[in-house]
PDB file of N, CA and C in Angstrom:
ATOM      1  N   MET A   1       0.938  -1.164   0.050  1.00  0.00           N
ATOM      2  CA  MET A   1      -0.246   0.123   0.067  1.00  0.00           C
ATOM      3  C   MET A   1       0.764   1.105  -0.129  1.00  0.00           C
ATOM      4  N   SER A   2       0.551   2.340  -0.853  1.00  0.00           N
ATOM      5  CA  SER A   2       1.554   3.205  -1.002  1.00  0.00           C
ATOM      6  C   SER A   2       0.937   4.455  -0.056  1.00  0.00           C
ATOM      7  N   THR A   3       1.708   5.465   0.691  1.00  0.00           N
ATOM      8  CA  THR A   3       1.255   6.537   1.272  1.00  0.00           C
ATOM      9  C   THR A   3       1.878   7.220   0.810  1.00  0.00           C
ATOM     10  N   LEU A   4       0.385   8.422   0.843  1.00  0.00           N
ATOM     11  CA  LEU A   4       0.379   9.874   0.193  1.00  0.00           C
ATOM     12  C   LEU A   4       1.555  10.434   1.082  1.00  0.00           C
ATOM     13  N   ARG A   5       2.204  11.441   0.520  1.00  0.00           N
ATOM     14  CA  ARG A   5       3.242  12.256   1.658  1.00  0.00           C
ATOM     15  C   ARG A   5       2.088  13.405   1.695  1.00  0.00           C
ATOM     16  N   GLN A   6       1.984  14.134   2.960  1.00  0.00           N
ATOM     17  CA  GLN A   6       1.303  14.813   3.215  1.00  0.00           C
ATOM     18  C   GLN A   6       1.595  16.553   2.765  1.00  0.00           C
ATOM     19  N   GLU A   7       2.716  16.588   2.213  1.00  0.00           N
ATOM     20  CA  GLU A   7       2.916  18.054   1.241  1.00  0.00           C
ATOM     21  C   GLU A   7       4.358  17.636   0.593  1.00  0.00           C
ATOM     22  N   TYR A   8       3.858  18.313  -0.723  1.00  0.00           N
ATOM     23  CA  TYR A   8       4.775  18.353  -1.741  1.00  0.00           C
ATOM     24  C   TYR A   8       4.532  19.694  -2.622  1.00  0.00           C
ATOM     25  N   PHE A   9       5.485  19.920  -3.767  1.00  0.00           N
ATOM     26  CA  PHE A   9       5.318  20.598  -4.443  1.00  0.00           C
ATOM     27  C   PHE A   9       6.517  20.754  -5.133  1.00  0.00           C
ATOM     28  N   ARG A  10       6.373  21.479  -6.702  1.00  0.00           N
ATOM     29  CA  ARG A  10       7.006  21.279  -7.577  1.00  0.00           C
ATOM     30  C   ARG A  10       6.644  22.592  -8.352  1.00  0.00           C
ATOM     31  N   TYR A  11       7.943  23.521  -8.690  1.00  0.00           N
ATOM     32  CA  TYR A  11       7.843  24.612  -9.711  1.00  0.00           C
ATOM     33  C   TYR A  11       8.654  24.575 -10.790  1.00  0.00           C
ATOM     34  N   LEU A  12       8.160  24.599 -11.804  1.00  0.00           N
ATOM     35  CA  LEU A  12       8.522  24.193 -13.443  1.00  0.00           C
ATOM     36  C   LEU A  12       9.108  25.482 -13.770  1.00  0.00           C
ATOM     37  N   PRO A  13      10.082  25.109 -14.639  1.00  0.00           N
ATOM     38  CA  PRO A  13      10.815  26.300 -15.491  1.00  0.00           C
ATOM     39  C   PRO A  13       9.626  26.646 -16.606  1.00  0.00           C
ATOM     40  N   VAL A  14       9.657  28.009 -16.931  1.00  0.00           N
ATOM     41  CA  VAL A  14       8.615  28.638 -17.670  1.00  0.00           C
ATOM     42  C   VAL A  14       9.607  29.488 -18.825  1.00  0.00           C
ATOM     43  N   SER A  15       9.996  28.799 -19.906  1.00  0.00           N
ATOM     44  CA  SER A  15      10.756  29.301 -21.048  1.00  0.00           C
ATOM     45  C   SER A  15       9.678  30.661 -22.125  1.00  0.00           C
ATOM     46  N   GLU A  16      10.359  31.462 -22.576  1.00  0.00           N
ATOM     47  CA  GLU A  16       9.840  32.318 -23.449  1.00  0.00           C
ATOM     48  C   GLU A  16       8.866  31.727 -24.284  1.00  0.00           C
ATOM     49  N   ARG A  17       9.147  30.485 -24.901  1.00  0.00           N
ATOM     50  CA  ARG A  17       8.089  29.900 -26.158  1.00  0.00           C
ATOM     51  C   ARG A  17       6.888  29.366 -25.091  1.00  0.00           C
ATOM     52  N   ASP A  18       7.181  28.845 -23.951  1.00  0.00           N
ATOM     53  CA  ASP A  18       6.146  28.181 -22.946  1.00  0.00           C
ATOM     54  C   ASP A  18       5.025  29.314 -22.897  1.00  0.00           C
ATOM     55  N   VAL A  19       5.439  30.973 -22.488  1.00  0.00           N
ATOM     56  CA  VAL A  19       4.703  32.088 -22.301  1.00  0.00           C
ATOM     57  C   VAL A  19       4.004  32.536 -23.436  1.00  0.00           C
ATOM     58  N   GLN A  20       4.419  32.006 -24.690  1.00  0.00           N
ATOM     59  CA  GLN A  20       4.112  32.898 -26.189  1.00  0.00           C
ATOM     60  C   GLN A  20       2.632  31.633 -26.402  1.00  0.00           C
ATOM     61  N   TRP A  21       2.534  30.822 -25.626  1.00  0.00           N
ATOM     62  CA  TRP A  21       1.196  29.815 -25.706  1.00  0.00           C
ATOM     63  C   TRP A  21       0.426  30.196 -24.911  1.00  0.00           C
ATOM     64  N   ASP A  22       0.502  31.135 -24.247  1.00  0.00           N
ATOM     65  CA  ASP A  22      -0.341  31.702 -23.357  1.00  0.00           C
ATOM     66  C   ASP A  22      -1.322  30.917 -22.096  1.00  0.00           C
ATOM     67  N   LEU A  23      -0.813  29.343 -22.201  1.00  0.00           N
ATOM     68  CA  LEU A  23      -1.156  28.556 -20.922  1.00  0.00           C
ATOM     69  C   LEU A  23      -0.200  27.638 -20.814  1.00  0.00           C
ATOM     70  N   TYR A  24       0.381  27.785 -19.797  1.00  0.00           N
ATOM     71  CA  TYR A  24       1.431  27.002 -19.170  1.00  0.00           C
ATOM     72  C   TYR A  24       1.072  26.835 -17.626  1.00  0.00           C
ATOM     73  N   VAL A  25       1.830  25.667 -17.198  1.00  0.00           N
ATOM     74  CA  VAL A  25       2.046  25.308 -15.644  1.00  0.00           C
ATOM     75  C   VAL A  25       3.109  25.689 -14.997  1.00  0.00           C
ATOM     76  N   THR A  26       3.113  26.586 -13.991  1.00  0.00           N
ATOM     77  CA  THR A  26       4.137  26.824 -13.083  1.00  0.00           C
ATOM     78  C   THR A  26       4.532  25.836 -12.294  1.00  0.00           C
ATOM     79  N   GLY A  27       3.541  25.262 -11.444  1.00  0.00           N
ATOM     80  CA  GLY A  27       4.007  24.153 -10.392  1.00  0.00           C
ATOM     81  C   GLY A  27       2.864  23.666 -10.371  1.00  0.00           C
ATOM     82  N   ALA A  28       2.790  22.649  -9.148  1.00  0.00           N
ATOM     83  CA  ALA A  28       1.770  21.855  -8.644  1.00  0.00           C
ATOM     84  C   ALA A  28       2.371  21.165  -7.315  1.00  0.00           C
ATOM     85  N   GLY A  29       1.257  20.944  -6.645  1.00  0.00           N
ATOM     86  CA  GLY A  29       1.651  20.379  -5.099  1.00  0.00           C
ATOM     87  C   GLY A  29       0.331  20.046  -4.513  1.00  0.00           C
ATOM     88  N   ARG A  30       0.666  19.683  -3.551  1.00  0.00           N
ATOM     89  CA  ARG A  30      -0.498  19.163  -1.899  1.00  0.00           C
ATOM     90  C   ARG A  30       0.249  19.697  -0.622  1.00  0.00           C
ATOM     91  N   SER A  31      -0.761  20.328   0.107  1.00  0.00           N
ATOM     92  CA  SER A  31      -0.459  21.092   1.170  1.00  0.00           C
ATOM     93  C   SER A  31      -1.655  20.764   2.105  1.00  0.00           C
ATOM     94  N   SER A  32      -0.977  20.360   3.519  1.00  0.00           N
ATOM     95  CA  SER A  32      -1.821  20.193   4.607  1.00  0.00           C
ATOM     96  C   SER A  32      -1.497  21.088   5.944  1.00  0.00           C
ATOM     97  N   VAL A  33      -2.334  22.044   6.198  1.00  0.00           N
ATOM     98  CA  VAL A  33      -1.952  23.457   6.609  1.00  0.00           C
ATOM     99  C   VAL A  33      -3.240  23.327   8.382  1.00  0.00           C
ATOM    100  N   PRO A  34      -2.304  22.745   9.283  1.00  0.00           N
ATOM    101  CA  PRO A  34      -2.922  22.844  10.458  1.00  0.00           C
ATOM    102  C   PRO A  34      -3.787  23.930  10.906  1.00  0.00           C
ATOM    103  N   PRO A  35      -4.989  24.142  11.570  1.00  0.00           N
ATOM    104  CA  PRO A  35      -5.642  25.328  12.167  1.00  0.00           C
ATOM    105  C   PRO A  35      -4.525  26.291  12.832  1.00  0.00           C
ATOM    106  N   GLY A  36      -4.581  27.753  12.350  1.00  0.00           N
ATOM    107  CA  GLY A  36      -3.440  28.616  12.938  1.00  0.00           C
ATOM    108  C   GLY A  36      -2.073  28.458  12.574  1.00  0.00           C
ATOM    109  N   SER A  37      -1.847  27.592  11.925  1.00  0.00           N
ATOM    110  CA  SER A  37      -0.206  27.599  11.017  1.00  0.00           C
ATOM    111  C   SER A  37      -0.223  28.731  10.021  1.00  0.00           C
ATOM    112  N   ARG A  38       1.456  28.817   9.628  1.00  0.00           N
ATOM    113  CA  ARG A  38       1.512  29.729   8.794  1.00  0.00           C
ATOM    114  C   ARG A  38       1.200  29.045   7.462  1.00  0.00           C
ATOM    115  N   TYR A  39       0.608  30.253   6.546  1.00  0.00           N
ATOM    116  CA  TYR A  39       0.317  29.701   5.417  1.00  0.00           C
ATOM    117  C   TYR A  39       0.622  30.869   4.326  1.00  0.00           C
ATOM    118  N   PRO A  40       1.391  30.777   3.173  1.00  0.00           N
ATOM    119  CA  PRO A  40       1.887  29.484   2.985  1.00  0.00           C
ATOM    120  C   PRO A  40       3.329  29.369   3.726  1.00  0.00           C
ATOM    121  N   ARG A  41       3.634  27.654   3.954  1.00  0.00           N
ATOM    122  CA  ARG A  41       4.770  27.681   4.104  1.00  0.00           C
ATOM    123  C   ARG A  41       5.709  28.386   3.862  1.00  0.00           C
ATOM    124  N   SER A  42       7.379  28.815   4.588  1.00  0.00           N
ATOM    125  CA  SER A  42       8.298  29.330   4.181  1.00  0.00           C
ATOM    126  C   SER A  42       9.157  28.711   3.149  1.00  0.00           C
ATOM    127  N   VAL A  43       9.143  27.429   2.998  1.00  0.00           N
ATOM    128  CA  VAL A  43       9.802  26.698   1.736  1.00  0.00           C
ATOM    129  C   VAL A  43       9.479  27.140   0.618  1.00  0.00           C
ATOM    130  N   HIS A  44       8.191  27.766   0.254  1.00  0.00           N
ATOM    131  CA  HIS A  44       7.830  28.248  -1.029  1.00  0.00           C
ATOM    132  C   HIS A  44       8.677  29.877  -1.537  1.00  0.00           C
ATOM    133  N   PRO A  45       8.761  29.786  -2.554  1.00  0.00           N
ATOM    134  CA  PRO A  45       9.568  30.905  -3.252  1.00  0.00           C
ATOM    135  C   PRO A  45       8.778  32.137  -2.746  1.00  0.00           C
ATOM    136  N   GLN A  46       9.600  33.301  -2.315  1.00  0.00           N
ATOM    137  CA  GLN A  46       9.185  34.422  -1.983  1.00  0.00           C
ATOM    138  C   GLN A  46       7.990  35.144  -2.682  1.00  0.00           C
ATOM    139  N   LEU A  47       7.948  34.783  -3.836  1.00  0.00           N
ATOM    140  CA  LEU A  47       6.838  35.149  -4.649  1.00  0.00           C
ATOM    141  C   LEU A  47       5.556  34.837  -4.415  1.00  0.00           C
ATOM    142  N   TYR A  48       5.698  33.651  -3.505  1.00  0.00           N
ATOM    143  CA  TYR A  48       4.237  33.009  -3.182  1.00  0.00           C
ATOM    144  C   TYR A  48       3.995  33.306  -1.515  1.00  0.00           C
ATOM    145  N   GLN A  49       4.821  33.770  -1.049  1.00  0.00           N
ATOM    146  CA  GLN A  49       4.605  34.393   0.556  1.00  0.00           C
ATOM    147  C   GLN A  49       3.770  35.674   0.759  1.00  0.00           C
ATOM    148  N   PHE A  50       2.916  35.434   1.654  1.00  0.00           N
ATOM    149  CA  PHE A  50       2.187  36.790   2.083  1.00  0.00           C
ATOM    150  C   PHE A  50       1.844  36.977   3.671  1.00  0.00           C
ATOM    151  N   ALA A  51       1.755  37.990   4.111  1.00  0.00           N
ATOM    152  CA  ALA A  51       1.146  37.867   5.351  1.00  0.00           C
ATOM    153  C   ALA A  51      -0.445  38.086   5.248  1.00  0.00           C
ATOM    154  N   TRP A  52      -1.324  37.963   6.235  1.00  0.00           N
ATOM    155  CA  TRP A  52      -2.659  38.347   6.213  1.00  0.00           C
ATOM    156  C   TRP A  52      -2.858  39.785   6.006  1.00  0.00           C
ATOM    157  N   ASP A  53      -2.217  40.495   6.844  1.00  0.00           N
ATOM    158  CA  ASP A  53      -2.460  41.851   6.756  1.00  0.00           C
ATOM    159  C   ASP A  53      -2.219  42.605   5.528  1.00  0.00           C
ATOM    160  N   ARG A  54      -1.300  42.050   4.823  1.00  0.00           N
ATOM    161  CA  ARG A  54      -0.684  42.793   3.389  1.00  0.00           C
ATOM    162  C   ARG A  54      -1.576  41.858   2.221  1.00  0.00           C
ATOM    163  N   GLY A  55      -1.809  40.807   2.643  1.00  0.00           N
ATOM    164  CA  GLY A  55      -2.266  39.739   1.336  1.00  0.00           C
ATOM    165  C   GLY A  55      -1.111  39.837   0.337  1.00  0.00           C
ATOM    166  N   ARG A  56      -1.503  39.566  -0.984  1.00  0.00           N
ATOM    167  CA  ARG A  56      -0.562  39.571  -2.154  1.00  0.00           C
ATOM    168  C   ARG A  56      -1.232  39.224  -3.335  1.00  0.00           C
ATOM    169  N   VAL A  57      -0.572  39.700  -4.496  1.00  0.00           N
ATOM    170  CA  VAL A  57      -0.706  39.550  -5.867  1.00  0.00           C
ATOM    171  C   VAL A  57       0.345  38.668  -6.795  1.00  0.00           C
ATOM    172  N   LEU A  58      -0.363  37.926  -7.304  1.00  0.00           N
ATOM    173  CA  LEU A  58       0.415  36.757  -8.025  1.00  0.00           C
ATOM    174  C   LEU A  58       0.317  37.218  -9.667  1.00  0.00           C
ATOM    175  N   PRO A  59       1.559  36.867 -10.582  1.00  0.00           N
ATOM    176  CA  PRO A  59       1.501  37.088 -11.798  1.00  0.00           C
ATOM    177  C   PRO A  59       0.543  36.153 -12.783  1.00  0.00           C
ATOM    178  N   GLU A  60      -0.025  34.947 -12.273  1.00  0.00           N
ATOM    179  CA  GLU A  60      -0.538  34.060 -12.822  1.00  0.00           C
ATOM    180  C   GLU A  60      -1.461  33.472 -12.027  1.00  0.00           C
ATOM    181  N   TYR A  61      -2.348  32.595 -12.972  1.00  0.00           N
ATOM    182  CA  TYR A  61      -3.899  32.042 -12.327  1.00  0.00           C
ATOM    183  C   TYR A  61      -3.342  31.021 -11.585  1.00  0.00           C
ATOM    184  N   GLN A  62      -3.904  30.492 -10.508  1.00  0.00           N
ATOM    185  CA  GLN A  62      -3.750  29.801  -9.479  1.00  0.00           C
ATOM    186  C   GLN A  62      -5.141  28.816  -9.266  1.00  0.00           C
ATOM    187  N   THR A  63      -5.019  27.716  -9.319  1.00  0.00           N
ATOM    188  CA  THR A  63      -6.286  26.787  -8.930  1.00  0.00           C
ATOM    189  C   THR A  63      -6.243  25.879  -7.582  1.00  0.00           C
ATOM    190  N   LEU A  64      -7.031  26.094  -6.675  1.00  0.00           N
ATOM    191  CA  LEU A  64      -6.702  25.596  -5.309  1.00  0.00           C
ATOM    192  C   LEU A  64      -8.188  24.943  -5.248  1.00  0.00           C
ATOM    193  N   TYR A  65      -7.738  23.515  -4.659  1.00  0.00           N
ATOM    194  CA  TYR A  65      -8.854  22.915  -4.341  1.00  0.00           C
ATOM    195  C   TYR A  65      -9.011  22.420  -2.990  1.00  0.00           C
ATOM    196  N   ILE A  66      -9.870  22.555  -1.710  1.00  0.00           N
ATOM    197  CA  ILE A  66     -10.112  22.382  -0.881  1.00  0.00           C
ATOM    198  C   ILE A  66     -10.358  21.269  -0.362  1.00  0.00           C
ATOM    199  N   THR A  67      -9.778  20.154   0.221  1.00  0.00           N
ATOM    200  CA  THR A  67     -10.065  18.741   0.480  1.00  0.00           C
ATOM    201  C   THR A  67     -10.826  18.413   1.791  1.00  0.00           C
ATOM    202  N   ARG A  68     -10.123  19.555   2.725  1.00  0.00           N
ATOM    203  CA  ARG A  68     -10.504  19.099   4.355  1.00  0.00           C
ATOM    204  C   ARG A  68     -10.321  20.623   5.002  1.00  0.00           C
ATOM    205  N   GLY A  69     -11.301  20.701   5.728  1.00  0.00           N
ATOM    206  CA  GLY A  69     -11.096  21.952   6.359  1.00  0.00           C
ATOM    207  C   GLY A  69     -12.081  22.904   5.948  1.00  0.00           C
ATOM    208  N   GLN A  70     -11.754  24.337   6.246  1.00  0.00           N
ATOM    209  CA  GLN A  70     -12.540  25.506   6.181  1.00  0.00           C
ATOM    210  C   GLN A  70     -11.599  26.764   6.314  1.00  0.00           C
ATOM    211  N   GLY A  71     -12.018  27.591   6.225  1.00  0.00           N
ATOM    212  CA  GLY A  71     -11.180  29.046   6.386  1.00  0.00           C
ATOM    213  C   GLY A  71     -11.975  30.137   5.611  1.00  0.00           C
ATOM    214  N   ILE A  72     -11.143  31.292   5.540  1.00  0.00           N
ATOM    215  CA  ILE A  72     -11.640  32.727   4.978  1.00  0.00           C
ATOM    216  C   ILE A  72     -10.726  33.089   3.711  1.00  0.00           C
ATOM    217  N   PHE A  73     -11.215  33.325   2.642  1.00  0.00           N
ATOM    218  CA  PHE A  73     -10.807  33.935   1.765  1.00  0.00           C
ATOM    219  C   PHE A  73     -11.273  35.120   1.409  1.00  0.00           C
ATOM    220  N   GLU A  74     -10.303  36.197   0.947  1.00  0.00           N
ATOM    221  CA  GLU A  74     -10.583  37.642   0.623  1.00  0.00           C
ATOM    222  C   GLU A  74     -10.063  38.045  -0.694  1.00  0.00           C
ATOM    223  N   SER A  75     -10.831  38.527  -1.699  1.00  0.00           N
ATOM    224  CA  SER A  75      -9.930  39.463  -2.631  1.00  0.00           C
ATOM    225  C   SER A  75     -10.887  40.569  -3.015  1.00  0.00           C
ATOM    226  N   LYS A  76      -9.980  41.636  -3.692  1.00  0.00           N
ATOM    227  CA  LYS A  76     -10.843  42.855  -4.093  1.00  0.00           C
ATOM    228  C   LYS A  76     -12.218  42.377  -4.762  1.00  0.00           C
ATOM    229  N   PRO A  77     -12.368  41.608  -5.816  1.00  0.00           N
ATOM    230  CA  PRO A  77     -13.384  41.388  -6.366  1.00  0.00           C
ATOM    231  C   PRO A  77     -14.484  40.671  -5.738  1.00  0.00           C
ATOM    232  N   THR A  78     -14.046  39.779  -5.057  1.00  0.00           N
ATOM    233  CA  THR A  78     -15.267  38.968  -3.969  1.00  0.00           C
ATOM    234  C   THR A  78     -15.647  39.262  -2.639  1.00  0.00           C
ATOM    235  N   GLY A  79     -14.762  40.522  -2.059  1.00  0.00           N
ATOM    236  CA  GLY A  79     -14.812  40.865  -0.624  1.00  0.00           C
ATOM    237  C   GLY A  79     -14.598  39.379   0.117  1.00  0.00           C
ATOM    238  N   ARG A  80     -14.908  39.059   1.319  1.00  0.00           N
ATOM    239  CA  ARG A  80     -14.692  38.100   2.070  1.00  0.00           C
ATOM    240  C   ARG A  80     -15.798  37.132   2.104  1.00  0.00           C
ATOM    241  N   ARG A  81     -15.299  35.773   1.505  1.00  0.00           N
ATOM    242  CA  ARG A  81     -16.058  34.729   1.889  1.00  0.00           C
ATOM    243  C   ARG A  81     -15.433  33.576   2.516  1.00  0.00           C
ATOM    244  N   GLU A  82     -16.526  32.704   3.377  1.00  0.00           N
ATOM    245  CA  GLU A  82     -16.073  31.531   3.746  1.00  0.00           C
ATOM    246  C   GLU A  82     -15.587  30.458   2.731  1.00  0.00           C
ATOM    247  N   ILE A  83     -14.521  29.602   3.177  1.00  0.00           N
ATOM    248  CA  ILE A  83     -14.356  28.485   2.276  1.00  0.00           C
ATOM    249  C   ILE A  83     -14.437  27.221   3.143  1.00  0.00           C
ATOM    250  N   LYS A  84     -14.736  26.198   2.408  1.00  0.00           N
ATOM    251  CA  LYS A  84     -15.487  24.847   3.295  1.00  0.00           C
ATOM    252  C   LYS A  84     -14.462  23.575   2.456  1.00  0.00           C
ATOM    253  N   THR A  85     -14.633  22.494   2.913  1.00  0.00           N
ATOM    254  CA  THR A  85     -14.460  21.341   2.025  1.00  0.00           C
ATOM    255  C   THR A  85     -14.954  21.157   1.006  1.00  0.00           C
ATOM    256  N   GLY A  86     -14.285  21.065  -0.004  1.00  0.00           N
ATOM    257  CA  GLY A  86     -14.894  20.813  -1.495  1.00  0.00           C
ATOM    258  C   GLY A  86     -14.908  22.261  -2.116  1.00  0.00           C
ATOM    259  N   SER A  87     -14.363  23.474  -1.644  1.00  0.00           N
ATOM    260  CA  SER A  87     -14.138  24.621  -2.280  1.00  0.00           C
ATOM    261  C   SER A  87     -13.316  24.603  -3.322  1.00  0.00           C
ATOM    262  N   VAL A  88     -13.294  25.235  -4.493  1.00  0.00           N
ATOM    263  CA  VAL A  88     -12.341  25.407  -5.551  1.00  0.00           C
ATOM    264  C   VAL A  88     -12.224  26.944  -5.948  1.00  0.00           C
ATOM    265  N   LEU A  89     -10.988  27.123  -5.758  1.00  0.00           N
ATOM    266  CA  LEU A  89     -10.487  28.735  -5.704  1.00  0.00           C
ATOM    267  C   LEU A  89      -9.949  28.720  -7.146  1.00  0.00           C
ATOM    268  N   LEU A  90     -10.504  29.658  -7.809  1.00  0.00           N
ATOM    269  CA  LEU A  90      -9.507  30.189  -9.140  1.00  0.00           C
ATOM    270  C   LEU A  90      -9.165  31.272  -9.211  1.00  0.00           C
ATOM    271  N   LEU A  91      -7.802  31.742  -9.025  1.00  0.00           N
ATOM    272  CA  LEU A  91      -7.203  33.127  -8.581  1.00  0.00           C
ATOM    273  C   LEU A  91      -6.713  33.747 -10.078  1.00  0.00           C
ATOM    274  N   PHE A  92      -6.885  35.011 -10.034  1.00  0.00           N
ATOM    275  CA  PHE A  92      -6.551  35.552 -11.052  1.00  0.00           C
ATOM    276  C   PHE A  92      -5.464  36.384 -11.244  1.00  0.00           C
ATOM    277  N   PRO A  93      -4.469  36.630 -12.232  1.00  0.00           N
ATOM    278  CA  PRO A  93      -3.205  37.103 -12.069  1.00  0.00           C
ATOM    279  C   PRO A  93      -3.421  38.792 -11.835  1.00  0.00           C
ATOM    280  N   GLY A  94      -2.784  39.216 -11.205  1.00  0.00           N
ATOM    281  CA  GLY A  94      -2.503  40.680 -10.819  1.00  0.00           C
ATOM    282  C   GLY A  94      -4.049  40.972  -9.914  1.00  0.00           C
ATOM    283  N   VAL A  95      -4.816  40.303  -9.342  1.00  0.00           N
ATOM    284  CA  VAL A  95      -5.582  40.561  -8.358  1.00  0.00           C
ATOM    285  C   VAL A  95      -5.390  40.129  -6.494  1.00  0.00           C
ATOM    286  N   TRP A  96      -5.326  41.337  -5.928  1.00  0.00           N
ATOM    287  CA  TRP A  96      -5.346  41.375  -4.846  1.00  0.00           C
ATOM    288  C   TRP A  96      -6.039  40.249  -4.199  1.00  0.00           C
ATOM    289  N   HIS A  97      -5.639  39.316  -3.122  1.00  0.00           N
ATOM    290  CA  HIS A  97      -6.234  38.290  -2.334  1.00  0.00           C
ATOM    291  C   HIS A  97      -5.112  37.941  -1.170  1.00  0.00           C
ATOM    292  N   ARG A  98      -6.209  37.233  -0.303  1.00  0.00           N
ATOM    293  CA  ARG A  98      -5.376  36.769   0.858  1.00  0.00           C
ATOM    294  C   ARG A  98      -6.336  35.641   1.400  1.00  0.00           C
TER     295      ARG A  98
END
């Protein structure tokens, strides 16, 4: 029986040719974040770090699927929203969120 690791991520190099296609994958992963823990963990590149009081703006689309737990998501277009198990978030490039 295989055991699924609790957390992993891979960031992929993106070439100018990839960018010309207008659709490319920059990374993928899985994370388990206990209540009250820092998110995202500091092992991720600086571009993906943020503090709740400042939020962040990313240069790319992100898709997040919440498989367990709940929390709060906020962005300029949506305002503050509760997220729960089964939520799927699509983050847009250039949009402030936290």
